[in-house]
PDB file of all heavy atoms in Angstrom:
ATOM      1  N   MET A   1      74.834 -29.420-114.870  1.00  0.00           N
ATOM      2  CA  MET A   1      74.900 -30.480-113.865  1.00  0.00           C
ATOM      3  C   MET A   1      73.561 -31.198-113.772  1.00  0.00           C
ATOM      4  O   MET A   1      72.506 -30.562-113.898  1.00  0.00           O
ATOM      5  CB  MET A   1      75.199 -29.915-112.472  1.00  0.00           C
ATOM      6  CG  MET A   1      76.420 -29.076-112.317  1.00  0.00           C
ATOM      7  SD  MET A   1      76.721 -28.671-110.555  1.00  0.00           S
ATOM      8  CE  MET A   1      75.232 -27.746-110.133  1.00  0.00           C
ATOM      9  N   PRO A   2      73.573 -32.506-113.504  1.00  0.00           N
ATOM     10  CA  PRO A   2      72.320 -33.180-113.150  1.00  0.00           C
ATOM     11  C   PRO A   2      71.904 -32.769-111.750  1.00  0.00           C
ATOM     12  O   PRO A   2      72.713 -32.798-110.819  1.00  0.00           O
ATOM     13  CB  PRO A   2      72.691 -34.661-113.210  1.00  0.00           C
ATOM     14  CG  PRO A   2      74.162 -34.688-112.913  1.00  0.00           C
ATOM     15  CD  PRO A   2      74.728 -33.419-113.489  1.00  0.00           C
ATOM     16  N   VAL A   3      70.668 -32.347-111.584  1.00  0.00           N
ATOM     17  CA  VAL A   3      70.167 -31.956-110.267  1.00  0.00           C
ATOM     18  C   VAL A   3      68.738 -32.464-110.093  1.00  0.00           C
ATOM     19  O   VAL A   3      68.058 -32.796-111.069  1.00  0.00           O
ATOM     20  CB  VAL A   3      70.190 -30.418-110.054  1.00  0.00           C
ATOM     21  CG1 VAL A   3      71.609 -29.893-110.005  1.00  0.00           C
ATOM     22  CG2 VAL A   3      69.387 -29.706-111.119  1.00  0.00           C
ATOM     23  N   THR A   4      68.317 -32.516-108.864  1.00  0.00           N
ATOM     24  CA  THR A   4      66.947 -32.901-108.521  1.00  0.00           C
ATOM     25  C   THR A   4      66.346 -31.808-107.658  1.00  0.00           C
ATOM     26  O   THR A   4      66.919 -31.424-106.636  1.00  0.00           O
ATOM     27  CB  THR A   4      66.923 -34.235-107.764  1.00  0.00           C
ATOM     28  OG1 THR A   4      67.551 -35.244-108.558  1.00  0.00           O
ATOM     29  CG2 THR A   4      65.487 -34.657-107.462  1.00  0.00           C
ATOM     30  N   MET A   5      65.193 -31.314-108.078  1.00  0.00           N
ATOM     31  CA  MET A   5      64.485 -30.265-107.341  1.00  0.00           C
ATOM     32  C   MET A   5      63.419 -30.921-106.463  1.00  0.00           C
ATOM     33  O   MET A   5      62.730 -31.844-106.906  1.00  0.00           O
ATOM     34  CB  MET A   5      63.857 -29.265-108.312  1.00  0.00           C
ATOM     35  CG  MET A   5      63.446 -27.965-107.674  1.00  0.00           C
ATOM     36  SD  MET A   5      63.177 -26.619-108.859  1.00  0.00           S
ATOM     37  CE  MET A   5      61.640 -27.129-109.612  1.00  0.00           C
ATOM     38  N   ILE A   6      63.283 -30.434-105.229  1.00  0.00           N
ATOM     39  CA  ILE A   6      62.458 -31.094-104.213  1.00  0.00           C
ATOM     40  C   ILE A   6      61.589 -30.056-103.516  1.00  0.00           C
ATOM     41  O   ILE A   6      62.032 -28.936-103.247  1.00  0.00           O
ATOM     42  CB  ILE A   6      63.338 -31.780-103.139  1.00  0.00           C
ATOM     43  CG1 ILE A   6      64.491 -32.552-103.768  1.00  0.00           C
ATOM     44  CG2 ILE A   6      62.505 -32.677-102.232  1.00  0.00           C
ATOM     45  CD1 ILE A   6      65.625 -32.841-102.791  1.00  0.00           C
ATOM     46  N   ARG A   7      60.372 -30.453-103.178  1.00  0.00           N
ATOM     47  CA  ARG A   7      59.530 -29.615-102.332  1.00  0.00           C
ATOM     48  C   ARG A   7      58.631 -30.492-101.486  1.00  0.00           C
ATOM     49  O   ARG A   7      57.973 -31.417-101.985  1.00  0.00           O
ATOM     50  CB  ARG A   7      58.653 -28.679-103.168  1.00  0.00           C
ATOM     51  CG  ARG A   7      57.667 -27.837-102.352  1.00  0.00           C
ATOM     52  CD  ARG A   7      58.339 -26.834-101.453  1.00  0.00           C
ATOM     53  NE  ARG A   7      57.404 -26.240-100.470  1.00  0.00           N
ATOM     54  CZ  ARG A   7      57.708 -25.238 -99.659  1.00  0.00           C
ATOM     55  NH1 ARG A   7      58.914 -24.687 -99.701  1.00  0.00           N
ATOM     56  NH2 ARG A   7      56.835 -24.779 -98.797  1.00  0.00           N
ATOM     57  N   THR A   8      58.602 -30.211-100.192  1.00  0.00           N
ATOM     58  CA  THR A   8      57.652 -30.819 -99.275  1.00  0.00           C
ATOM     59  C   THR A   8      56.467 -29.868 -99.126  1.00  0.00           C
ATOM     60  O   THR A   8      56.653 -28.664 -98.927  1.00  0.00           O
ATOM     61  CB  THR A   8      58.298 -31.055 -97.903  1.00  0.00           C
ATOM     62  OG1 THR A   8      59.514 -31.772 -98.068  1.00  0.00           O
ATOM     63  CG2 THR A   8      57.361 -31.837 -96.989  1.00  0.00           C
ATOM     64  N   ASN A   9      55.266 -30.397 -99.233  1.00  0.00           N
ATOM     65  CA  ASN A   9      54.051 -29.604 -99.060  1.00  0.00           C
ATOM     66  C   ASN A   9      53.156 -30.272 -98.023  1.00  0.00           C
ATOM     67  O   ASN A   9      53.281 -31.475 -97.761  1.00  0.00           O
ATOM     68  CB  ASN A   9      53.289 -29.486-100.381  1.00  0.00           C
ATOM     69  CG  ASN A   9      54.094 -28.780-101.455  1.00  0.00           C
ATOM     70  OD1 ASN A   9      54.479 -27.637-101.297  1.00  0.00           O
ATOM     71  ND2 ASN A   9      54.360 -29.474-102.555  1.00  0.00           N
ATOM     72  N   ILE A  10      52.250 -29.512 -97.461  1.00  0.00           N
ATOM     73  CA  ILE A  10      51.214 -30.072 -96.592  1.00  0.00           C
ATOM     74  C   ILE A  10      49.863 -29.686 -97.177  1.00  0.00           C
ATOM     75  O   ILE A  10      49.597 -28.497 -97.407  1.00  0.00           O
ATOM     76  CB  ILE A  10      51.359 -29.588 -95.147  1.00  0.00           C
ATOM     77  CG1 ILE A  10      52.647 -30.164 -94.538  1.00  0.00           C
ATOM     78  CG2 ILE A  10      50.145 -29.991 -94.304  1.00  0.00           C
ATOM     79  CD1 ILE A  10      52.901 -29.783 -93.104  1.00  0.00           C
ATOM     80  N   ILE A  11      49.046 -30.686 -97.444  1.00  0.00           N
ATOM     81  CA  ILE A  11      47.759 -30.495 -98.093  1.00  0.00           C
ATOM     82  C   ILE A  11      46.654 -30.887 -97.115  1.00  0.00           C
ATOM     83  O   ILE A  11      46.628 -32.027 -96.635  1.00  0.00           O
ATOM     84  CB  ILE A  11      47.632 -31.355 -99.378  1.00  0.00           C
ATOM     85  CG1 ILE A  11      48.879 -31.193-100.265  1.00  0.00           C
ATOM     86  CG2 ILE A  11      46.357 -31.020-100.130  1.00  0.00           C
ATOM     87  CD1 ILE A  11      49.113 -29.803-100.776  1.00  0.00           C
ATOM     88  N   GLU A  12      45.779 -29.960 -96.810  1.00  0.00           N
ATOM     89  CA  GLU A  12      44.654 -30.282 -95.925  1.00  0.00           C
ATOM     90  C   GLU A  12      43.868 -31.449 -96.496  1.00  0.00           C
ATOM     91  O   GLU A  12      43.513 -31.472 -97.683  1.00  0.00           O
ATOM     92  CB  GLU A  12      43.753 -29.052 -95.776  1.00  0.00           C
ATOM     93  CG  GLU A  12      42.485 -29.301 -94.976  1.00  0.00           C
ATOM     94  CD  GLU A  12      42.749 -29.621 -93.513  1.00  0.00           C
ATOM     95  OE1 GLU A  12      43.829 -29.243 -93.006  1.00  0.00           O
ATOM     96  OE2 GLU A  12      41.870 -30.235 -92.881  1.00  0.00           O
ATOM     97  N   GLY A  13      43.590 -32.434 -95.667  1.00  0.00           N
ATOM     98  CA  GLY A  13      42.867 -33.627 -96.097  1.00  0.00           C
ATOM     99  C   GLY A  13      43.770 -34.745 -96.554  1.00  0.00           C
ATOM    100  O   GLY A  13      43.326 -35.893 -96.693  1.00  0.00           O
ATOM    101  N   VAL A  14      45.030 -34.437 -96.810  1.00  0.00           N
ATOM    102  CA  VAL A  14      45.996 -35.456 -97.243  1.00  0.00           C
ATOM    103  C   VAL A  14      47.136 -35.565 -96.241  1.00  0.00           C
ATOM    104  O   VAL A  14      47.504 -36.645 -95.807  1.00  0.00           O
ATOM    105  CB  VAL A  14      46.562 -35.126 -98.649  1.00  0.00           C
ATOM    106  CG1 VAL A  14      47.624 -36.160 -99.047  1.00  0.00           C
ATOM    107  CG2 VAL A  14      45.451 -35.089 -99.683  1.00  0.00           C
ATOM    108  N   GLY A  15      47.709 -34.425 -95.873  1.00  0.00           N
ATOM    109  CA  GLY A  15      48.894 -34.417 -95.033  1.00  0.00           C
ATOM    110  C   GLY A  15      50.100 -34.017 -95.854  1.00  0.00           C
ATOM    111  O   GLY A  15      49.989 -33.357 -96.891  1.00  0.00           O
ATOM    112  N   PRO A  16      51.301 -34.418 -95.434  1.00  0.00           N
ATOM    113  CA  PRO A  16      52.493 -34.059 -96.183  1.00  0.00           C
ATOM    114  C   PRO A  16      52.577 -34.818 -97.505  1.00  0.00           C
ATOM    115  O   PRO A  16      52.186 -35.985 -97.594  1.00  0.00           O
ATOM    116  CB  PRO A  16      53.643 -34.448 -95.250  1.00  0.00           C
ATOM    117  CG  PRO A  16      53.075 -35.534 -94.397  1.00  0.00           C
ATOM    118  CD  PRO A  16      51.629 -35.197 -94.214  1.00  0.00           C
ATOM    119  N   THR A  17      53.078 -34.151 -98.531  1.00  0.00           N
ATOM    120  CA  THR A  17      53.367 -34.777 -99.815  1.00  0.00           C
ATOM    121  C   THR A  17      54.723 -34.272-100.279  1.00  0.00           C
ATOM    122  O   THR A  17      55.234 -33.261 -99.800  1.00  0.00           O
ATOM    123  CB  THR A  17      52.306 -34.458-100.882  1.00  0.00           C
ATOM    124  OG1 THR A  17      52.334 -33.052-101.155  1.00  0.00           O
ATOM    125  CG2 THR A  17      50.914 -34.866-100.425  1.00  0.00           C
ATOM    126  N   LEU A  18      55.289 -34.981-101.249  1.00  0.00           N
ATOM    127  CA  LEU A  18      56.595 -34.610-101.784  1.00  0.00           C
ATOM    128  C   LEU A  18      56.484 -34.410-103.286  1.00  0.00           C
ATOM    129  O   LEU A  18      55.756 -35.136-103.966  1.00  0.00           O
ATOM    130  CB  LEU A  18      57.610 -35.718-101.473  1.00  0.00           C
ATOM    131  CG  LEU A  18      59.085 -35.338-101.419  1.00  0.00           C
ATOM    132  CD1 LEU A  18      59.345 -34.307-100.335  1.00  0.00           C
ATOM    133  CD2 LEU A  18      59.943 -36.578-101.178  1.00  0.00           C
ATOM    134  N   GLN A  19      57.210 -33.413-103.785  1.00  0.00           N
ATOM    135  CA  GLN A  19      57.359 -33.202-105.218  1.00  0.00           C
ATOM    136  C   GLN A  19      58.831 -33.373-105.576  1.00  0.00           C
ATOM    137  O   GLN A  19      59.709 -32.882-104.858  1.00  0.00           O
ATOM    138  CB  GLN A  19      56.885 -31.806-105.620  1.00  0.00           C
ATOM    139  CG  GLN A  19      55.396 -31.590-105.441  1.00  0.00           C
ATOM    140  CD  GLN A  19      54.968 -30.183-105.865  1.00  0.00           C
ATOM    141  OE1 GLN A  19      55.554 -29.214-105.433  1.00  0.00           O
ATOM    142  NE2 GLN A  19      53.947 -30.103-106.698  1.00  0.00           N
ATOM    143  N   ILE A  20      59.097 -34.052-106.696  1.00  0.00           N
ATOM    144  CA  ILE A  20      60.467 -34.387-107.080  1.00  0.00           C
ATOM    145  C   ILE A  20      60.592 -34.237-108.590  1.00  0.00           C
ATOM    146  O   ILE A  20      59.889 -34.917-109.346  1.00  0.00           O
ATOM    147  CB  ILE A  20      60.821 -35.845-106.695  1.00  0.00           C
ATOM    148  CG1 ILE A  20      60.680 -36.068-105.183  1.00  0.00           C
ATOM    149  CG2 ILE A  20      62.220 -36.200-107.168  1.00  0.00           C
ATOM    150  CD1 ILE A  20      60.652 -37.537-104.792  1.00  0.00           C
ATOM    151  N   ILE A  21      61.479 -33.355-109.030  1.00  0.00           N
ATOM    152  CA  ILE A  21      61.690 -33.175-110.462  1.00  0.00           C
ATOM    153  C   ILE A  21      63.192 -33.210-110.761  1.00  0.00           C
ATOM    154  O   ILE A  21      63.964 -32.388-110.263  1.00  0.00           O
ATOM    155  CB  ILE A  21      61.085 -31.841-110.960  1.00  0.00           C
ATOM    156  CG1 ILE A  21      59.570 -31.864-110.814  1.00  0.00           C
ATOM    157  CG2 ILE A  21      61.474 -31.591-112.412  1.00  0.00           C
ATOM    158  CD1 ILE A  21      58.848 -32.847-111.723  1.00  0.00           C
ATOM    159  N   GLU A  22      63.584 -34.157-111.578  1.00  0.00           N
ATOM    160  CA  GLU A  22      64.970 -34.261-112.016  1.00  0.00           C
ATOM    161  C   GLU A  22      65.180 -33.436-113.285  1.00  0.00           C
ATOM    162  O   GLU A  22      64.267 -33.284-114.100  1.00  0.00           O
ATOM    163  CB  GLU A  22      65.338 -35.712-112.290  1.00  0.00           C
ATOM    164  CG  GLU A  22      65.259 -36.602-111.067  1.00  0.00           C
ATOM    165  CD  GLU A  22      65.567 -38.062-111.366  1.00  0.00           C
ATOM    166  OE1 GLU A  22      65.438 -38.471-112.545  1.00  0.00           O
ATOM    167  OE2 GLU A  22      65.933 -38.793-110.431  1.00  0.00           O
ATOM    168  N   GLY A  23      66.384 -32.925-113.446  1.00  0.00           N
ATOM    169  CA  GLY A  23      66.694 -32.161-114.642  1.00  0.00           C
ATOM    170  C   GLY A  23      68.147 -31.758-114.641  1.00  0.00           C
ATOM    171  O   GLY A  23      68.995 -32.395-114.009  1.00  0.00           O
ATOM    172  N   TYR A  24      68.437 -30.664-115.347  1.00  0.00           N
ATOM    173  CA  TYR A  24      69.815 -30.184-115.470  1.00  0.00           C
ATOM    174  C   TYR A  24      69.877 -28.678-115.269  1.00  0.00           C
ATOM    175  O   TYR A  24      68.956 -27.949-115.658  1.00  0.00           O
ATOM    176  CB  TYR A  24      70.378 -30.513-116.856  1.00  0.00           C
ATOM    177  CG  TYR A  24      70.691 -31.975-117.050  1.00  0.00           C
ATOM    178  CD1 TYR A  24      69.705 -32.866-117.461  1.00  0.00           C
ATOM    179  CD2 TYR A  24      71.958 -32.472-116.798  1.00  0.00           C
ATOM    180  CE1 TYR A  24      69.977 -34.212-117.632  1.00  0.00           C
ATOM    181  CE2 TYR A  24      72.247 -33.823-116.970  1.00  0.00           C
ATOM    182  CZ  TYR A  24      71.250 -34.682-117.383  1.00  0.00           C
ATOM    183  OH  TYR A  24      71.530 -36.016-117.543  1.00  0.00           O
ATOM    184  N   THR A  25      70.970 -28.227-114.664  1.00  0.00           N
ATOM    185  CA  THR A  25      71.247 -26.806-114.694  1.00  0.00           C
ATOM    186  C   THR A  25      71.741 -26.452-116.094  1.00  0.00           C
ATOM    187  O   THR A  25      72.341 -27.279-116.784  1.00  0.00           O
ATOM    188  CB  THR A  25      72.309 -26.417-113.653  1.00  0.00           C
ATOM    189  OG1 THR A  25      73.527 -27.124-113.930  1.00  0.00           O
ATOM    190  CG2 THR A  25      71.841 -26.772-112.255  1.00  0.00           C
ATOM    191  N   CYS A  26      71.485 -25.228-116.508  1.00  0.00           N
ATOM    192  CA  CYS A  26      71.829 -24.798-117.865  1.00  0.00           C
ATOM    193  C   CYS A  26      72.755 -23.584-117.807  1.00  0.00           C
ATOM    194  O   CYS A  26      72.613 -22.725-116.940  1.00  0.00           O
ATOM    195  CB  CYS A  26      70.569 -24.430-118.652  1.00  0.00           C
ATOM    196  SG  CYS A  26      69.404 -25.784-118.847  1.00  0.00           S
ATOM    197  N   VAL A  27      73.680 -23.552-118.740  1.00  0.00           N
ATOM    198  CA  VAL A  27      74.558 -22.397-118.895  1.00  0.00           C
ATOM    199  C   VAL A  27      74.094 -21.654-120.146  1.00  0.00           C
ATOM    200  O   VAL A  27      74.196 -22.163-121.262  1.00  0.00           O
ATOM    201  CB  VAL A  27      76.028 -22.818-119.027  1.00  0.00           C
ATOM    202  CG1 VAL A  27      76.916 -21.591-119.192  1.00  0.00           C
ATOM    203  CG2 VAL A  27      76.467 -23.622-117.804  1.00  0.00           C
ATOM    204  N   LEU A  28      73.554 -20.470-119.945  1.00  0.00           N
ATOM    205  CA  LEU A  28      73.022 -19.685-121.053  1.00  0.00           C
ATOM    206  C   LEU A  28      74.108 -18.813-121.680  1.00  0.00           C
ATOM    207  O   LEU A  28      75.139 -18.531-121.064  1.00  0.00           O
ATOM    208  CB  LEU A  28      71.875 -18.791-120.571  1.00  0.00           C
ATOM    209  CG  LEU A  28      70.704 -19.457-119.848  1.00  0.00           C
ATOM    210  CD1 LEU A  28      69.605 -18.429-119.597  1.00  0.00           C
ATOM    211  CD2 LEU A  28      70.164 -20.648-120.628  1.00  0.00           C
ATOM    212  N   ASP A  29      73.863 -18.401-122.910  1.00  0.00           N
ATOM    213  CA  ASP A  29      74.685 -17.381-123.531  1.00  0.00           C
ATOM    214  C   ASP A  29      74.804 -16.208-122.556  1.00  0.00           C
ATOM    215  O   ASP A  29      73.803 -15.790-121.954  1.00  0.00           O
ATOM    216  CB  ASP A  29      74.019 -16.929-124.835  1.00  0.00           C
ATOM    217  CG  ASP A  29      74.741 -15.764-125.465  1.00  0.00           C
ATOM    218  OD1 ASP A  29      74.424 -14.597-125.101  1.00  0.00           O
ATOM    219  OD2 ASP A  29      75.602 -16.001-126.311  1.00  0.00           O
ATOM    220  N   PRO A  30      76.013 -15.674-122.337  1.00  0.00           N
ATOM    221  CA  PRO A  30      76.180 -14.625-121.321  1.00  0.00           C
ATOM    222  C   PRO A  30      75.243 -13.432-121.482  1.00  0.00           C
ATOM    223  O   PRO A  30      74.741 -12.887-120.490  1.00  0.00           O
ATOM    224  CB  PRO A  30      77.650 -14.207-121.498  1.00  0.00           C
ATOM    225  CG  PRO A  30      78.323 -15.415-122.068  1.00  0.00           C
ATOM    226  CD  PRO A  30      77.295 -16.068-122.947  1.00  0.00           C
ATOM    227  N   GLU A  31      74.972 -13.036-122.702  1.00  0.00           N
ATOM    228  CA  GLU A  31      74.098 -11.889-122.899  1.00  0.00           C
ATOM    229  C   GLU A  31      72.655 -12.243-122.575  1.00  0.00           C
ATOM    230  O   GLU A  31      71.914 -11.440-122.005  1.00  0.00           O
ATOM    231  CB  GLU A  31      74.216 -11.379-124.334  1.00  0.00           C
ATOM    232  CG  GLU A  31      73.402 -10.133-124.629  1.00  0.00           C
ATOM    233  CD  GLU A  31      73.817  -8.914-123.814  1.00  0.00           C
ATOM    234  OE1 GLU A  31      74.867  -8.945-123.136  1.00  0.00           O
ATOM    235  OE2 GLU A  31      73.064  -7.911-123.847  1.00  0.00           O
ATOM    236  N   VAL A  32      72.242 -13.475-122.929  1.00  0.00           N
ATOM    237  CA  VAL A  32      70.890 -13.922-122.583  1.00  0.00           C
ATOM    238  C   VAL A  32      70.748 -13.980-121.068  1.00  0.00           C
ATOM    239  O   VAL A  32      69.749 -13.507-120.502  1.00  0.00           O
ATOM    240  CB  VAL A  32      70.594 -15.297-123.219  1.00  0.00           C
ATOM    241  CG1 VAL A  32      69.267 -15.846-122.711  1.00  0.00           C
ATOM    242  CG2 VAL A  32      70.584 -15.194-124.738  1.00  0.00           C
ATOM    243  N   HIS A  33      71.751 -14.533-120.408  1.00  0.00           N
ATOM    244  CA  HIS A  33      71.725 -14.587-118.934  1.00  0.00           C
ATOM    245  C   HIS A  33      71.591 -13.193-118.352  1.00  0.00           C
ATOM    246  O   HIS A  33      70.764 -12.949-117.459  1.00  0.00           O
ATOM    247  CB  HIS A  33      72.990 -15.250-118.402  1.00  0.00           C
ATOM    248  CG  HIS A  33      73.221 -15.019-116.934  1.00  0.00           C
ATOM    249  ND1 HIS A  33      72.572 -15.732-115.965  1.00  0.00           N
ATOM    250  CD2 HIS A  33      73.996 -14.104-116.283  1.00  0.00           C
ATOM    251  CE1 HIS A  33      72.943 -15.288-114.760  1.00  0.00           C
ATOM    252  NE2 HIS A  33      73.809 -14.302-114.940  1.00  0.00           N
ATOM    253  N   ARG A  34      72.404 -12.254-118.848  1.00  0.00           N
ATOM    254  CA  ARG A  34      72.392 -10.900-118.293  1.00  0.00           C
ATOM    255  C   ARG A  34      71.015 -10.255-118.422  1.00  0.00           C
ATOM    256  O   ARG A  34      70.482  -9.701-117.450  1.00  0.00           O
ATOM    257  CB  ARG A  34      73.442 -10.033-119.003  1.00  0.00           C
ATOM    258  CG  ARG A  34      73.558  -8.632-118.411  1.00  0.00           C
ATOM    259  CD  ARG A  34      74.393  -7.721-119.280  1.00  0.00           C
ATOM    260  NE  ARG A  34      73.753  -7.454-120.557  1.00  0.00           N
ATOM    261  CZ  ARG A  34      72.765  -6.581-120.730  1.00  0.00           C
ATOM    262  NH1 ARG A  34      72.271  -5.888-119.709  1.00  0.00           N
ATOM    263  NH2 ARG A  34      72.235  -6.390-121.930  1.00  0.00           N
ATOM    264  N   ILE A  35      70.437 -10.360-119.599  1.00  0.00           N
ATOM    265  CA  ILE A  35      69.150  -9.700-119.823  1.00  0.00           C
ATOM    266  C   ILE A  35      68.065 -10.307-118.942  1.00  0.00           C
ATOM    267  O   ILE A  35      67.292  -9.597-118.294  1.00  0.00           O
ATOM    268  CB  ILE A  35      68.762  -9.793-121.312  1.00  0.00           C
ATOM    269  CG1 ILE A  35      69.731  -8.977-122.171  1.00  0.00           C
ATOM    270  CG2 ILE A  35      67.331  -9.306-121.530  1.00  0.00           C
ATOM    271  CD1 ILE A  35      69.569  -9.191-123.661  1.00  0.00           C
ATOM    272  N   LEU A  36      68.013 -11.649-118.882  1.00  0.00           N
ATOM    273  CA  LEU A  36      66.974 -12.300-118.079  1.00  0.00           C
ATOM    274  C   LEU A  36      67.214 -12.081-116.588  1.00  0.00           C
ATOM    275  O   LEU A  36      66.275 -11.813-115.825  1.00  0.00           O
ATOM    276  CB  LEU A  36      66.926 -13.797-118.386  1.00  0.00           C
ATOM    277  CG  LEU A  36      66.669 -14.222-119.831  1.00  0.00           C
ATOM    278  CD1 LEU A  36      66.520 -15.734-119.913  1.00  0.00           C
ATOM    279  CD2 LEU A  36      65.428 -13.536-120.394  1.00  0.00           C
ATOM    280  N   ASP A  37      68.458 -12.196-116.177  1.00  0.00           N
ATOM    281  CA  ASP A  37      68.790 -12.110-114.759  1.00  0.00           C
ATOM    282  C   ASP A  37      68.496 -10.712-114.217  1.00  0.00           C
ATOM    283  O   ASP A  37      67.986 -10.560-113.097  1.00  0.00           O
ATOM    284  CB  ASP A  37      70.263 -12.446-114.567  1.00  0.00           C
ATOM    285  CG  ASP A  37      70.607 -12.851-113.143  1.00  0.00           C
ATOM    286  OD1 ASP A  37      69.846 -13.643-112.561  1.00  0.00           O
ATOM    287  OD2 ASP A  37      71.625 -12.387-112.616  1.00  0.00           O
ATOM    288  N   GLU A  38      68.803  -9.693-114.985  1.00  0.00           N
ATOM    289  CA  GLU A  38      68.644  -8.337-114.481  1.00  0.00           C
ATOM    290  C   GLU A  38      67.192  -7.887-114.453  1.00  0.00           C
ATOM    291  O   GLU A  38      66.886  -6.837-113.887  1.00  0.00           O
ATOM    292  CB  GLU A  38      69.495  -7.378-115.322  1.00  0.00           C
ATOM    293  CG  GLU A  38      70.983  -7.573-115.083  1.00  0.00           C
ATOM    294  CD  GLU A  38      71.849  -6.574-115.831  1.00  0.00           C
ATOM    295  OE1 GLU A  38      71.278  -5.647-116.454  1.00  0.00           O
ATOM    296  OE2 GLU A  38      73.085  -6.722-115.780  1.00  0.00           O
ATOM    297  N   ARG A  39      66.300  -8.686-115.031  1.00  0.00           N
ATOM    298  CA  ARG A  39      64.875  -8.361-114.905  1.00  0.00           C
ATOM    299  C   ARG A  39      64.359  -8.671-113.502  1.00  0.00           C
ATOM    300  O   ARG A  39      63.268  -8.242-113.130  1.00  0.00           O
ATOM    301  CB  ARG A  39      64.063  -9.132-115.948  1.00  0.00           C
ATOM    302  CG  ARG A  39      64.217  -8.613-117.362  1.00  0.00           C
ATOM    303  CD  ARG A  39      63.494  -9.507-118.341  1.00  0.00           C
ATOM    304  NE  ARG A  39      62.048  -9.436-118.173  1.00  0.00           N
ATOM    305  CZ  ARG A  39      61.229  -8.756-118.973  1.00  0.00           C
ATOM    306  NH1 ARG A  39      61.716  -8.059-119.988  1.00  0.00           N
ATOM    307  NH2 ARG A  39      59.917  -8.760-118.772  1.00  0.00           N
ATOM    308  N   THR A  40      65.112  -9.445-112.723  1.00  0.00           N
ATOM    309  CA  THR A  40      64.708  -9.789-111.356  1.00  0.00           C
ATOM    310  C   THR A  40      65.556  -9.007-110.362  1.00  0.00           C
ATOM    311  O   THR A  40      65.159  -7.989-109.844  1.00  0.00           O
ATOM    312  CB  THR A  40      64.819 -11.306-111.123  1.00  0.00           C
ATOM    313  OG1 THR A  40      63.968 -11.967-112.054  1.00  0.00           O
ATOM    314  CG2 THR A  40      64.404 -11.683-109.721  1.00  0.00           C
ATOM    315  N   ASP A  41      66.757  -9.494-110.076  1.00  0.00           N
ATOM    316  CA  ASP A  41      67.664  -8.794-109.177  1.00  0.00           C
ATOM    317  C   ASP A  41      69.069  -9.291-109.464  1.00  0.00           C
ATOM    318  O   ASP A  41      69.388 -10.459-109.198  1.00  0.00           O
ATOM    319  CB  ASP A  41      67.297  -9.028-107.714  1.00  0.00           C
ATOM    320  CG  ASP A  41      68.018  -8.071-106.775  1.00  0.00           C
ATOM    321  OD1 ASP A  41      69.253  -7.959-106.892  1.00  0.00           O
ATOM    322  OD2 ASP A  41      67.348  -7.438-105.943  1.00  0.00           O
ATOM    323  N   ARG A  42      69.890  -8.440-109.985  1.00  0.00           N
ATOM    324  CA  ARG A  42      71.231  -8.843-110.403  1.00  0.00           C
ATOM    325  C   ARG A  42      72.164  -9.099-109.235  1.00  0.00           C
ATOM    326  O   ARG A  42      73.326  -9.493-109.432  1.00  0.00           O
ATOM    327  CB  ARG A  42      71.837  -7.790-111.340  1.00  0.00           C
ATOM    328  CG  ARG A  42      72.019  -6.428-110.721  1.00  0.00           C
ATOM    329  CD  ARG A  42      72.622  -5.425-111.693  1.00  0.00           C
ATOM    330  NE  ARG A  42      74.012  -5.701-111.968  1.00  0.00           N
ATOM    331  CZ  ARG A  42      74.793  -4.883-112.688  1.00  0.00           C
ATOM    332  NH1 ARG A  42      74.282  -3.779-113.223  1.00  0.00           N
ATOM    333  NH2 ARG A  42      76.050  -5.164-112.871  1.00  0.00           N
ATOM    334  N   SER A  43      71.721  -8.890-108.005  1.00  0.00           N
ATOM    335  CA  SER A  43      72.575  -9.116-106.836  1.00  0.00           C
ATOM    336  C   SER A  43      72.293 -10.446-106.150  1.00  0.00           C
ATOM    337  O   SER A  43      72.831 -10.709-105.082  1.00  0.00           O
ATOM    338  CB  SER A  43      72.392  -7.969-105.829  1.00  0.00           C
ATOM    339  OG  SER A  43      71.074  -7.976-105.289  1.00  0.00           O
ATOM    340  N   TRP A  44      71.491 -11.290-106.771  1.00  0.00           N
ATOM    341  CA  TRP A  44      71.146 -12.580-106.169  1.00  0.00           C
ATOM    342  C   TRP A  44      71.732 -13.737-106.980  1.00  0.00           C
ATOM    343  O   TRP A  44      71.990 -13.594-108.176  1.00  0.00           O
ATOM    344  CB  TRP A  44      69.628 -12.737-106.091  1.00  0.00           C
ATOM    345  CG  TRP A  44      68.932 -11.751-105.204  1.00  0.00           C
ATOM    346  CD1 TRP A  44      69.507 -10.856-104.345  1.00  0.00           C
ATOM    347  CD2 TRP A  44      67.520 -11.561-105.102  1.00  0.00           C
ATOM    348  NE1 TRP A  44      68.546 -10.138-103.695  1.00  0.00           N
ATOM    349  CE2 TRP A  44      67.303 -10.539-104.146  1.00  0.00           C
ATOM    350  CE3 TRP A  44      66.413 -12.156-105.703  1.00  0.00           C
ATOM    351  CZ2 TRP A  44      66.025 -10.105-103.781  1.00  0.00           C
ATOM    352  CZ3 TRP A  44      65.146 -11.716-105.349  1.00  0.00           C
ATOM    353  CH2 TRP A  44      64.958 -10.706-104.403  1.00  0.00           C
TER     354      TRP A  44
END
């Protein structure tokens, strides 16, 4: 899917700023997904 990732930050001396990155979600090979995903937490 096309998606846009967003983050609001507050920087001392500047104030609020925005970060915006467009990209795509990816569907990985199921085995690649399993191996990478389970290195973090498979329940999330």
